[in-house]
N, C-alpha and C. Protein backbone atom coordinates (compact mmCIF):
# COMPACT_ATOMS: atom_id res chain seq x y z
N ILE A 1 3.79 22.92 -26.69
CA ILE A 1 3.49 21.51 -27.02
C ILE A 1 2.17 21.04 -26.90
N PHE A 2 1.74 20.54 -28.19
CA PHE A 2 0.16 20.82 -29.03
C PHE A 2 0.19 19.28 -28.83
N LEU A 3 -1.09 19.02 -27.96
CA LEU A 3 -0.91 18.00 -28.06
C LEU A 3 -2.88 18.04 -29.15
N SER A 4 -2.28 17.53 -30.20
CA SER A 4 -3.21 16.80 -31.62
C SER A 4 -3.48 15.13 -31.42
N SER A 5 -3.99 14.86 -32.31
CA SER A 5 -4.41 13.22 -32.22
C SER A 5 -4.33 12.63 -33.73
N MET A 6 -4.67 11.10 -33.74
CA MET A 6 -4.45 10.26 -34.64
C MET A 6 -5.06 10.45 -35.66
N SER A 7 -6.42 11.53 -35.08
CA SER A 7 -8.05 11.24 -35.08
C SER A 7 -7.92 12.37 -36.39
N VAL A 8 -7.22 13.05 -37.05
CA VAL A 8 -6.81 14.12 -38.08
C VAL A 8 -6.42 13.57 -39.03
N TYR A 9 -6.35 11.79 -39.29
CA TYR A 9 -5.72 10.74 -40.54
C TYR A 9 -7.58 10.75 -40.83
N GLY A 10 -8.53 10.64 -40.34
CA GLY A 10 -9.90 10.34 -40.61
C GLY A 10 -9.67 8.08 -40.92
N ILE A 11 -8.96 7.60 -40.35
CA ILE A 11 -9.19 6.72 -41.28
C ILE A 11 -9.34 5.52 -39.36
N GLU A 12 -10.04 3.92 -39.66
CA GLU A 12 -10.16 3.33 -38.87
C GLU A 12 -9.88 2.46 -38.67
N ASN A 13 -8.90 1.65 -40.12
CA ASN A 13 -8.26 0.73 -39.91
C ASN A 13 -6.94 0.92 -40.87
N GLY A 14 -6.27 0.40 -40.28
CA GLY A 14 -4.78 0.74 -41.41
C GLY A 14 -3.39 1.08 -41.38
N VAL A 15 -2.93 1.25 -41.89
CA VAL A 15 -1.22 1.86 -41.42
C VAL A 15 -1.14 3.13 -41.83
N ILE A 16 -1.15 3.96 -40.72
CA ILE A 16 -0.41 5.75 -41.04
C ILE A 16 1.36 5.58 -41.28
N ASP A 17 1.08 6.38 -42.43
CA ASP A 17 2.70 6.81 -42.52
C ASP A 17 2.82 7.97 -42.83
N LYS A 18 4.04 8.61 -43.12
CA LYS A 18 4.96 10.21 -43.83
C LYS A 18 3.77 10.73 -44.33
N SER A 19 2.91 9.60 -45.81
CA SER A 19 2.54 10.15 -46.68
C SER A 19 0.61 9.82 -46.58
N THR A 20 0.89 9.82 -45.48
CA THR A 20 -0.65 9.69 -45.24
C THR A 20 -1.17 10.68 -45.66
N PRO A 21 -2.18 10.68 -46.44
CA PRO A 21 -3.21 12.72 -45.55
C PRO A 21 -4.04 12.34 -44.72
N LEU A 22 -4.00 13.98 -44.68
CA LEU A 22 -4.46 14.62 -43.31
C LEU A 22 -6.48 14.28 -43.96
N LYS A 23 -7.52 13.25 -43.33
CA LYS A 23 -8.73 13.77 -44.05
C LYS A 23 -9.89 13.22 -42.61
N PRO A 24 -10.27 13.95 -41.55
CA PRO A 24 -11.01 13.70 -40.42
C PRO A 24 -11.76 13.38 -41.20
N ASN A 25 -12.70 12.88 -40.06
CA ASN A 25 -14.27 12.50 -40.33
C ASN A 25 -14.78 12.62 -39.28
N SER A 26 -14.54 13.89 -38.17
CA SER A 26 -15.02 14.10 -37.07
C SER A 26 -14.63 15.57 -36.94
N ALA A 27 -15.43 16.25 -36.20
CA ALA A 27 -15.67 17.59 -35.68
C ALA A 27 -14.21 17.47 -34.18
N TYR A 28 -14.01 16.31 -33.81
CA TYR A 28 -13.08 16.04 -32.76
C TYR A 28 -11.57 16.57 -33.80
N GLY A 29 -11.33 15.83 -34.96
CA GLY A 29 -10.45 15.74 -35.66
C GLY A 29 -10.16 17.31 -36.54
N LYS A 30 -11.57 17.33 -36.59
CA LYS A 30 -11.33 18.91 -37.94
C LYS A 30 -10.40 20.01 -36.99
N SER A 31 -11.02 19.93 -35.45
CA SER A 31 -10.42 20.72 -34.76
C SER A 31 -9.20 20.75 -34.63
N LYS A 32 -8.82 19.36 -34.57
CA LYS A 32 -7.28 19.30 -34.00
C LYS A 32 -6.25 19.35 -35.18
N ILE A 33 -6.97 19.84 -36.25
CA ILE A 33 -6.36 19.88 -37.44
C ILE A 33 -6.04 21.85 -37.69
N GLU A 34 -6.99 22.44 -37.34
CA GLU A 34 -7.17 23.54 -37.23
C GLU A 34 -6.45 24.21 -36.02
N ALA A 35 -6.26 23.68 -35.23
CA ALA A 35 -5.83 24.34 -33.62
C ALA A 35 -3.80 23.84 -34.24
N GLU A 36 -3.71 22.71 -34.89
CA GLU A 36 -2.76 22.90 -35.56
C GLU A 36 -1.75 23.93 -36.78
N GLU A 37 -2.92 24.26 -37.11
CA GLU A 37 -2.66 25.33 -38.25
C GLU A 37 -2.21 26.42 -37.23
N LEU A 38 -3.45 26.63 -36.61
CA LEU A 38 -2.96 28.26 -35.47
C LEU A 38 -1.57 28.79 -35.09
N ILE A 39 -1.65 27.25 -34.31
CA ILE A 39 -0.65 27.10 -33.29
C ILE A 39 0.77 27.39 -34.19
N ASN A 40 1.14 26.64 -35.72
CA ASN A 40 2.08 26.85 -35.91
C ASN A 40 2.34 27.93 -36.94
N GLU A 41 1.16 28.77 -36.58
CA GLU A 41 1.73 30.38 -37.33
C GLU A 41 2.41 31.21 -36.05
N LEU A 42 2.25 30.86 -34.88
CA LEU A 42 3.20 31.27 -33.59
C LEU A 42 4.54 31.23 -33.81
N GLN A 43 5.13 30.11 -34.32
CA GLN A 43 5.77 29.58 -34.25
C GLN A 43 7.29 30.48 -34.16
N ASP A 44 8.00 31.32 -34.14
CA ASP A 44 9.32 31.82 -35.02
C ASP A 44 11.05 31.36 -33.98
N ASP A 45 11.75 32.57 -33.63
CA ASP A 45 12.94 32.38 -33.13
C ASP A 45 12.68 32.28 -31.86
N SER A 46 12.05 32.63 -31.38
CA SER A 46 11.64 32.75 -29.37
C SER A 46 10.65 31.99 -29.28
N PHE A 47 10.01 31.58 -29.87
CA PHE A 47 8.87 30.78 -29.87
C PHE A 47 8.66 29.26 -30.74
N THR A 48 8.99 28.01 -29.97
CA THR A 48 9.06 26.55 -30.57
C THR A 48 7.07 26.21 -30.55
N VAL A 49 6.78 25.30 -31.71
CA VAL A 49 6.27 24.39 -31.17
C VAL A 49 6.00 23.24 -31.61
N SER A 50 6.15 22.49 -31.02
CA SER A 50 5.92 21.02 -31.36
C SER A 50 4.28 20.11 -30.99
N THR A 51 4.82 19.76 -31.96
CA THR A 51 3.03 18.95 -32.06
C THR A 51 3.01 17.75 -32.01
N LEU A 52 2.43 16.79 -31.39
CA LEU A 52 2.36 16.29 -31.19
C LEU A 52 0.62 15.28 -31.45
N ARG A 53 1.09 14.11 -32.61
CA ARG A 53 -0.47 13.50 -32.50
C ARG A 53 -0.22 11.81 -31.86
N PRO A 54 -0.57 11.46 -31.05
CA PRO A 54 -0.15 10.42 -30.13
C PRO A 54 -1.61 9.99 -30.87
N PRO A 55 -1.12 7.90 -30.64
CA PRO A 55 -2.32 6.99 -30.91
C PRO A 55 -2.79 7.24 -28.90
N MET A 56 -4.01 6.48 -29.06
CA MET A 56 -4.79 5.95 -27.81
C MET A 56 -4.28 5.94 -26.64
N VAL A 57 -4.27 6.88 -25.71
CA VAL A 57 -3.53 7.18 -24.27
C VAL A 57 -4.68 6.43 -23.72
N TYR A 58 -3.67 5.34 -22.69
CA TYR A 58 -3.94 4.57 -21.33
C TYR A 58 -3.14 5.28 -20.12
N GLY A 59 -3.14 4.75 -19.29
CA GLY A 59 -3.17 4.83 -17.99
C GLY A 59 -4.38 5.09 -16.34
N LYS A 60 -3.98 5.18 -15.54
CA LYS A 60 -4.37 5.28 -14.85
C LYS A 60 -5.46 6.04 -14.13
N GLY A 61 -6.77 5.54 -14.74
CA GLY A 61 -7.55 7.41 -14.63
C GLY A 61 -8.14 7.23 -15.93
N CYS A 62 -7.59 7.09 -16.51
CA CYS A 62 -8.29 7.54 -18.08
C CYS A 62 -9.49 6.63 -18.58
N ARG A 63 -9.59 7.80 -19.60
CA ARG A 63 -11.24 7.36 -20.19
C ARG A 63 -11.39 7.14 -21.89
N GLY A 64 -12.18 6.79 -21.81
CA GLY A 64 -12.49 6.61 -23.85
C GLY A 64 -12.44 5.10 -23.21
N ASN A 65 -11.95 4.01 -24.62
CA ASN A 65 -12.00 3.20 -24.87
C ASN A 65 -11.47 1.86 -23.51
N TYR A 66 -10.13 2.48 -23.32
CA TYR A 66 -9.64 1.36 -22.60
C TYR A 66 -10.60 1.33 -21.17
N PRO A 67 -11.30 2.16 -20.41
CA PRO A 67 -12.07 1.43 -19.49
C PRO A 67 -13.06 0.33 -19.86
N ARG A 68 -13.44 0.69 -21.05
CA ARG A 68 -14.78 -0.32 -21.71
C ARG A 68 -14.10 -1.40 -21.91
N LEU A 69 -12.60 -1.43 -21.92
CA LEU A 69 -12.00 -2.96 -22.52
C LEU A 69 -11.86 -3.77 -21.19
N VAL A 70 -11.09 -2.61 -20.29
CA VAL A 70 -11.15 -3.60 -18.92
C VAL A 70 -12.56 -4.14 -17.93
N GLY A 71 -13.57 -3.47 -18.03
CA GLY A 71 -14.98 -3.51 -18.03
C GLY A 71 -15.38 -4.74 -18.30
N LEU A 72 -15.06 -4.75 -19.82
CA LEU A 72 -15.54 -6.77 -20.43
C LEU A 72 -14.52 -7.59 -20.00
N ALA A 73 -12.99 -6.89 -19.38
CA ALA A 73 -12.49 -8.08 -19.07
C ALA A 73 -12.93 -8.56 -17.65
N LEU A 74 -13.42 -7.85 -16.80
CA LEU A 74 -13.48 -8.30 -15.63
C LEU A 74 -14.78 -8.72 -15.93
N LYS A 75 -16.08 -8.44 -16.89
CA LYS A 75 -16.96 -9.00 -16.22
C LYS A 75 -17.27 -10.29 -17.06
N THR A 76 -16.32 -10.77 -18.03
CA THR A 76 -16.54 -11.64 -19.45
C THR A 76 -16.15 -13.03 -19.37
N LEU A 77 -16.34 -14.23 -19.69
CA LEU A 77 -15.99 -15.55 -19.39
C LEU A 77 -14.83 -15.36 -20.31
N ILE A 78 -15.04 -14.90 -21.71
CA ILE A 78 -15.26 -15.61 -23.19
C ILE A 78 -15.15 -14.47 -23.80
N PHE A 79 -14.28 -14.14 -24.73
CA PHE A 79 -13.23 -12.99 -25.09
C PHE A 79 -12.82 -13.44 -26.76
N PRO A 80 -13.42 -12.55 -27.42
CA PRO A 80 -13.03 -13.07 -29.24
C PRO A 80 -11.88 -13.44 -29.20
N LYS A 81 -10.88 -14.05 -29.89
CA LYS A 81 -9.33 -13.93 -30.00
C LYS A 81 -9.00 -13.24 -31.31
N VAL A 82 -8.72 -12.20 -31.36
CA VAL A 82 -8.64 -11.75 -32.54
C VAL A 82 -7.13 -11.28 -33.01
N ASP A 83 -6.67 -11.77 -34.06
CA ASP A 83 -4.99 -11.19 -34.51
C ASP A 83 -5.08 -9.06 -34.96
N ASN A 84 -5.03 -8.17 -34.08
CA ASN A 84 -5.09 -7.27 -34.86
C ASN A 84 -3.92 -5.92 -34.09
N LYS A 85 -3.69 -5.11 -34.88
CA LYS A 85 -2.47 -4.59 -33.83
C LYS A 85 -2.65 -3.06 -33.94
N ARG A 86 -2.41 -2.39 -32.61
CA ARG A 86 -3.67 -1.22 -32.52
C ARG A 86 -1.61 -0.26 -31.81
N SER A 87 -1.96 0.99 -31.98
CA SER A 87 -1.12 1.58 -31.75
C SER A 87 -0.91 2.39 -30.92
N MET A 88 -0.99 2.45 -29.35
CA MET A 88 -1.78 2.56 -28.09
C MET A 88 -0.06 3.34 -27.54
N ILE A 89 -0.64 4.69 -26.67
CA ILE A 89 0.58 5.22 -25.68
C ILE A 89 0.37 5.05 -24.18
N TYR A 90 1.34 4.62 -23.64
CA TYR A 90 1.00 4.86 -21.55
C TYR A 90 1.36 5.75 -21.60
N ILE A 91 0.92 6.38 -21.06
CA ILE A 91 0.67 7.86 -20.11
C ILE A 91 2.22 8.25 -19.73
N ASP A 92 2.97 7.28 -19.55
CA ASP A 92 4.16 7.80 -18.39
C ASP A 92 4.83 7.50 -19.49
N ASN A 93 4.60 6.85 -20.52
CA ASN A 93 5.95 6.74 -21.74
C ASN A 93 5.20 8.06 -22.38
N LEU A 94 4.30 9.05 -22.96
CA LEU A 94 3.80 10.13 -23.40
C LEU A 94 4.74 11.24 -22.60
N SER A 95 4.24 11.26 -21.31
CA SER A 95 4.90 12.02 -20.17
C SER A 95 6.57 12.62 -20.37
N GLU A 96 7.29 10.99 -20.24
CA GLU A 96 8.73 11.53 -20.32
C GLU A 96 9.21 11.39 -22.23
N PHE A 97 8.28 11.38 -22.94
CA PHE A 97 8.09 11.67 -24.25
C PHE A 97 8.17 13.77 -24.46
N VAL A 98 7.08 14.21 -23.37
CA VAL A 98 6.73 15.30 -23.64
C VAL A 98 7.92 16.11 -22.85
N LYS A 99 8.49 15.59 -21.51
CA LYS A 99 9.94 15.85 -21.04
C LYS A 99 10.81 15.64 -21.86
N GLN A 100 11.24 15.09 -22.68
CA GLN A 100 12.43 14.94 -23.45
C GLN A 100 12.03 16.58 -24.29
N LEU A 101 10.88 16.61 -24.83
CA LEU A 101 10.79 18.09 -25.89
C LEU A 101 11.06 19.14 -25.30
N ILE A 102 10.74 18.84 -23.92
CA ILE A 102 11.11 20.59 -23.22
C ILE A 102 12.41 20.54 -23.18
N ASP A 103 12.99 19.72 -22.61
CA ASP A 103 14.41 19.87 -22.33
C ASP A 103 15.46 20.34 -23.66
N ASN A 104 15.10 19.20 -24.35
CA ASN A 104 15.63 19.98 -25.93
C ASN A 104 15.22 20.94 -26.73
N ARG A 105 14.17 21.65 -26.37
CA ARG A 105 13.18 22.90 -27.46
C ARG A 105 13.17 21.57 -28.46
N SER A 106 12.66 20.80 -28.72
CA SER A 106 12.79 20.49 -29.95
C SER A 106 10.96 20.78 -30.55
N ALA A 107 11.40 21.15 -31.91
CA ALA A 107 10.37 21.89 -32.55
C ALA A 107 9.39 20.52 -33.61
N GLY A 108 8.49 20.82 -34.17
CA GLY A 108 7.85 19.58 -35.52
C GLY A 108 7.09 18.87 -35.10
N LEU A 109 6.77 18.29 -35.72
CA LEU A 109 5.58 16.61 -35.63
C LEU A 109 6.04 15.49 -35.37
N PHE A 110 5.64 15.18 -34.27
CA PHE A 110 5.66 14.03 -33.70
C PHE A 110 4.83 13.06 -33.08
N PHE A 111 5.24 11.34 -33.02
CA PHE A 111 4.35 10.40 -33.51
C PHE A 111 4.84 9.57 -32.50
N PRO A 112 4.60 9.84 -30.84
CA PRO A 112 5.19 8.83 -29.84
C PRO A 112 4.67 7.79 -29.70
N GLN A 113 4.58 6.31 -29.87
CA GLN A 113 3.57 5.19 -29.30
C GLN A 113 4.45 4.53 -28.58
N ASN A 114 3.80 3.36 -28.28
CA ASN A 114 4.16 2.56 -27.13
C ASN A 114 5.84 1.47 -27.98
N ALA A 115 6.72 0.66 -27.68
CA ALA A 115 7.82 0.22 -28.49
C ALA A 115 6.58 -0.83 -29.46
N GLU A 116 5.75 -1.36 -28.34
CA GLU A 116 5.24 -2.21 -29.40
C GLU A 116 3.49 -2.09 -29.75
N TYR A 117 3.27 -2.99 -30.85
CA TYR A 117 1.66 -2.72 -31.31
C TYR A 117 0.77 -3.66 -30.16
N VAL A 118 -0.51 -3.19 -30.26
CA VAL A 118 -0.84 -3.65 -28.79
C VAL A 118 -2.16 -4.80 -29.51
N ASN A 119 -2.02 -5.69 -29.34
CA ASN A 119 -2.93 -6.66 -29.57
C ASN A 119 -3.90 -6.91 -28.27
N THR A 120 -5.77 -6.70 -29.00
CA THR A 120 -7.01 -6.22 -28.02
C THR A 120 -7.23 -7.51 -27.44
N SER A 121 -6.89 -8.71 -27.81
CA SER A 121 -6.76 -9.63 -26.74
C SER A 121 -6.44 -10.21 -26.05
N GLU A 122 -4.58 -9.82 -26.16
CA GLU A 122 -3.69 -9.59 -25.40
C GLU A 122 -3.48 -8.73 -24.51
N MET A 123 -3.94 -7.80 -24.29
CA MET A 123 -4.52 -6.44 -23.84
C MET A 123 -5.78 -6.99 -22.49
N VAL A 124 -6.74 -7.62 -22.78
CA VAL A 124 -7.82 -8.11 -21.72
C VAL A 124 -7.49 -9.10 -21.50
N ARG A 125 -6.76 -9.92 -21.91
CA ARG A 125 -5.58 -11.15 -20.85
C ARG A 125 -5.22 -10.55 -19.80
N LEU A 126 -4.15 -9.80 -20.48
CA LEU A 126 -3.45 -8.60 -19.73
C LEU A 126 -4.48 -8.38 -18.70
N VAL A 127 -5.53 -7.23 -18.82
CA VAL A 127 -5.67 -6.93 -17.63
C VAL A 127 -6.66 -7.66 -16.77
N ALA A 128 -7.20 -8.30 -17.02
CA ALA A 128 -7.84 -9.84 -16.64
C ALA A 128 -7.02 -10.52 -15.36
N GLU A 129 -5.84 -10.55 -15.96
CA GLU A 129 -4.74 -11.06 -14.99
C GLU A 129 -4.29 -10.06 -14.16
N ALA A 130 -3.92 -9.16 -14.36
CA ALA A 130 -3.50 -8.15 -13.51
C ALA A 130 -4.59 -8.35 -12.31
N HIS A 131 -6.15 -8.82 -12.54
CA HIS A 131 -6.96 -8.77 -11.76
C HIS A 131 -6.96 -9.96 -10.68
N GLY A 132 -6.55 -10.89 -11.01
CA GLY A 132 -5.91 -12.50 -10.34
C GLY A 132 -7.29 -12.92 -11.26
N LYS A 133 -8.22 -12.64 -12.25
CA LYS A 133 -8.93 -13.30 -13.25
C LYS A 133 -8.13 -14.27 -14.14
N ARG A 134 -9.15 -15.27 -14.80
CA ARG A 134 -8.60 -15.52 -16.35
C ARG A 134 -9.62 -15.56 -17.69
N VAL A 135 -9.81 -15.23 -18.69
CA VAL A 135 -10.30 -15.08 -19.30
C VAL A 135 -9.90 -16.00 -20.95
N MET A 136 -11.50 -17.14 -21.01
CA MET A 136 -11.12 -18.08 -22.76
C MET A 136 -11.15 -16.65 -23.84
N MET A 137 -10.02 -16.95 -24.11
CA MET A 137 -9.91 -16.43 -26.29
C MET A 137 -9.89 -17.25 -26.68
N THR A 138 -11.02 -17.53 -27.79
CA THR A 138 -11.52 -18.19 -28.97
C THR A 138 -12.24 -17.48 -30.37
N LYS A 139 -11.93 -18.06 -31.61
CA LYS A 139 -11.58 -17.51 -32.19
C LYS A 139 -13.66 -17.45 -33.10
N LEU A 140 -14.42 -18.54 -31.97
CA LEU A 140 -15.71 -18.73 -32.20
C LEU A 140 -16.78 -17.26 -32.79
N PHE A 141 -16.16 -16.42 -31.97
CA PHE A 141 -17.19 -14.87 -33.04
C PHE A 141 -16.71 -13.76 -34.09
N ASN A 142 -15.47 -14.67 -34.05
CA ASN A 142 -14.60 -13.67 -35.52
C ASN A 142 -15.27 -13.57 -35.91
N PRO A 143 -16.35 -14.43 -37.25
CA PRO A 143 -17.04 -13.98 -38.33
C PRO A 143 -18.28 -13.18 -37.32
N LEU A 144 -18.60 -13.40 -36.86
CA LEU A 144 -19.63 -12.48 -36.11
C LEU A 144 -19.39 -10.78 -36.31
N LEU A 145 -17.62 -11.19 -35.74
CA LEU A 145 -17.40 -9.45 -35.45
C LEU A 145 -17.55 -9.00 -36.86
N ARG A 146 -16.67 -9.12 -38.32
CA ARG A 146 -16.38 -9.06 -39.86
C ARG A 146 -17.85 -8.67 -40.05
N LEU A 147 -18.90 -9.58 -40.30
CA LEU A 147 -20.23 -8.86 -39.94
C LEU A 147 -20.88 -7.93 -39.68
N LEU A 148 -20.69 -7.43 -38.51
CA LEU A 148 -20.76 -6.69 -38.07
C LEU A 148 -20.34 -5.18 -38.57
N ASN A 149 -19.10 -5.26 -38.85
CA ASN A 149 -18.63 -4.43 -39.32
C ASN A 149 -19.29 -2.70 -38.95
N VAL A 150 -18.82 -2.28 -37.69
CA VAL A 150 -19.29 -1.23 -37.73
C VAL A 150 -18.18 -0.50 -36.45
N SER A 151 -18.32 1.08 -36.72
CA SER A 151 -17.20 1.84 -35.94
C SER A 151 -16.69 1.08 -34.79
N THR A 152 -17.49 1.09 -33.77
CA THR A 152 -17.23 0.72 -32.53
C THR A 152 -16.19 -0.60 -32.52
N VAL A 153 -16.74 -2.07 -33.50
CA VAL A 153 -16.36 -3.03 -33.82
C VAL A 153 -15.02 -2.49 -34.30
N ASN A 154 -14.82 -2.08 -35.14
CA ASN A 154 -13.56 -1.97 -35.98
C ASN A 154 -12.34 -1.08 -35.12
N LYS A 155 -12.75 -0.43 -34.49
CA LYS A 155 -12.05 0.68 -33.46
C LYS A 155 -11.93 -0.21 -32.25
N VAL A 156 -12.34 -1.30 -32.02
CA VAL A 156 -11.30 -2.16 -30.92
C VAL A 156 -10.79 -3.87 -31.68
N PHE A 157 -11.24 -3.61 -32.17
CA PHE A 157 -10.49 -5.25 -33.13
C PHE A 157 -10.06 -5.51 -34.41
N GLY A 158 -10.53 -3.75 -35.12
CA GLY A 158 -9.54 -3.55 -36.78
C GLY A 158 -8.23 -3.21 -35.85
N ASP A 159 -7.05 -3.24 -37.36
CA ASP A 159 -6.08 -2.77 -37.14
C ASP A 159 -5.76 -1.05 -37.58
N LEU A 160 -5.05 -0.28 -36.11
CA LEU A 160 -4.60 1.43 -36.91
C LEU A 160 -3.27 1.66 -35.93
N VAL A 161 -2.63 1.66 -36.94
CA VAL A 161 -0.93 2.02 -36.25
C VAL A 161 -0.71 2.46 -37.70
N TYR A 162 0.67 2.84 -36.15
CA TYR A 162 1.19 4.59 -36.42
C TYR A 162 2.96 3.52 -37.62
N GLU A 163 3.02 4.00 -38.78
CA GLU A 163 4.33 3.36 -38.95
C GLU A 163 5.22 3.06 -37.76
N MET A 164 6.16 2.39 -37.58
CA MET A 164 6.72 1.93 -35.98
C MET A 164 7.88 3.02 -36.37
N SER A 165 8.51 3.22 -37.58
CA SER A 165 9.44 3.90 -37.57
C SER A 165 9.15 5.35 -37.28
N MET A 166 8.03 6.17 -37.42
CA MET A 166 7.36 7.31 -37.22
C MET A 166 7.89 7.23 -35.96
N SER A 167 7.85 6.45 -34.81
CA SER A 167 7.95 7.03 -33.55
C SER A 167 9.40 6.88 -33.36
N ASP A 168 10.41 6.39 -33.97
CA ASP A 168 11.69 6.20 -33.30
C ASP A 168 12.50 7.58 -33.37
N TYR A 169 12.89 7.68 -32.28
CA TYR A 169 13.75 9.18 -31.56
C TYR A 169 15.22 8.92 -31.67
N GLU A 170 15.89 10.39 -31.26
CA GLU A 170 16.60 9.69 -31.04
C GLU A 170 17.51 9.42 -29.01
N ASN A 171 16.41 9.91 -28.15
CA ASN A 171 16.17 9.71 -27.02
C ASN A 171 14.47 8.87 -26.79
N ASP A 172 15.25 7.08 -25.73
CA ASP A 172 14.05 6.93 -25.85
C ASP A 172 12.98 7.00 -24.66
N TYR A 173 11.91 7.14 -24.63
CA TYR A 173 11.36 7.74 -24.19
C TYR A 173 9.81 6.70 -23.36
N ARG A 174 10.64 5.27 -24.18
CA ARG A 174 9.59 4.22 -23.58
C ARG A 174 9.92 3.33 -22.42
N VAL A 175 9.57 3.91 -21.13
CA VAL A 175 9.96 3.84 -19.77
C VAL A 175 9.02 3.02 -19.51
N CYS A 176 8.12 2.00 -19.56
CA CYS A 176 7.41 1.17 -19.68
C CYS A 176 6.67 0.22 -20.72
N GLY A 177 7.37 -1.69 -20.52
CA GLY A 177 6.86 -1.88 -22.08
C GLY A 177 4.70 -2.28 -21.49
N LEU A 178 4.23 -3.05 -22.51
CA LEU A 178 2.87 -3.17 -22.56
C LEU A 178 2.62 -3.67 -21.17
N ARG A 179 2.63 -4.34 -20.56
CA ARG A 179 2.62 -6.10 -19.84
C ARG A 179 2.76 -4.98 -18.81
N GLU A 180 4.20 -4.22 -18.42
CA GLU A 180 4.30 -3.22 -17.23
C GLU A 180 3.51 -2.50 -17.04
N SER A 181 3.09 -1.77 -17.98
CA SER A 181 1.81 -0.62 -17.79
C SER A 181 0.23 -0.56 -17.52
N ILE A 182 0.52 -2.02 -18.11
CA ILE A 182 -1.25 -3.02 -17.74
C ILE A 182 -1.04 -3.26 -15.91
N LYS A 183 -0.31 -3.38 -15.54
CA LYS A 183 -0.48 -4.13 -14.24
C LYS A 183 -0.21 -2.61 -13.59
N VAL A 184 0.70 -1.59 -13.68
CA VAL A 184 0.86 -0.51 -13.02
C VAL A 184 -1.07 0.55 -13.14
N THR A 185 -1.34 0.05 -14.06
CA THR A 185 -2.65 1.24 -14.25
C THR A 185 -3.67 0.17 -14.09
N GLU A 186 -3.87 -1.25 -13.95
CA GLU A 186 -4.56 -2.02 -12.61
C GLU A 186 -4.23 -2.09 -11.48
N GLU A 187 -3.65 -1.63 -10.37
CA GLU A 187 -3.24 -1.54 -9.10
C GLU A 187 -4.08 -0.85 -8.31
């Protein structure tokens, strides 16, 4: 089982579907494609290869953008209210998906994600709520966010999703929804 990344597509905004070309724009994304190709060469009748391209993974102790959002949720009283969608996956959902791959000896390319897309503002609200805090949401800052148009702003407030049908598989691996996963992560 190889954990690749959504980064192999090299896009910061949009919808990824099965026809989206691989165009990594970072060394990380390029290294993931190279690794996928090398590992796939090993597949034969006695060696199964499963490649996962998960979106952002979050959960207790995770690194990356999630802890930054948590920091903002706990420090700020006001946060931009944006209408965005992000594909993400809670670590327990990813773990269940991997367990099912092992149990079923499944081979191929997989795109696990949570059952619902994540809205950044809603996630910040849920994190604050889990800590007994309240964050006021406002659209007042939205024009400024559009003007900034920098990579970090796009990663946090832009849309980047897998088409949901790409992540529907025979067995349900989504053991925890967004609200509950944030609550458990922040305990």
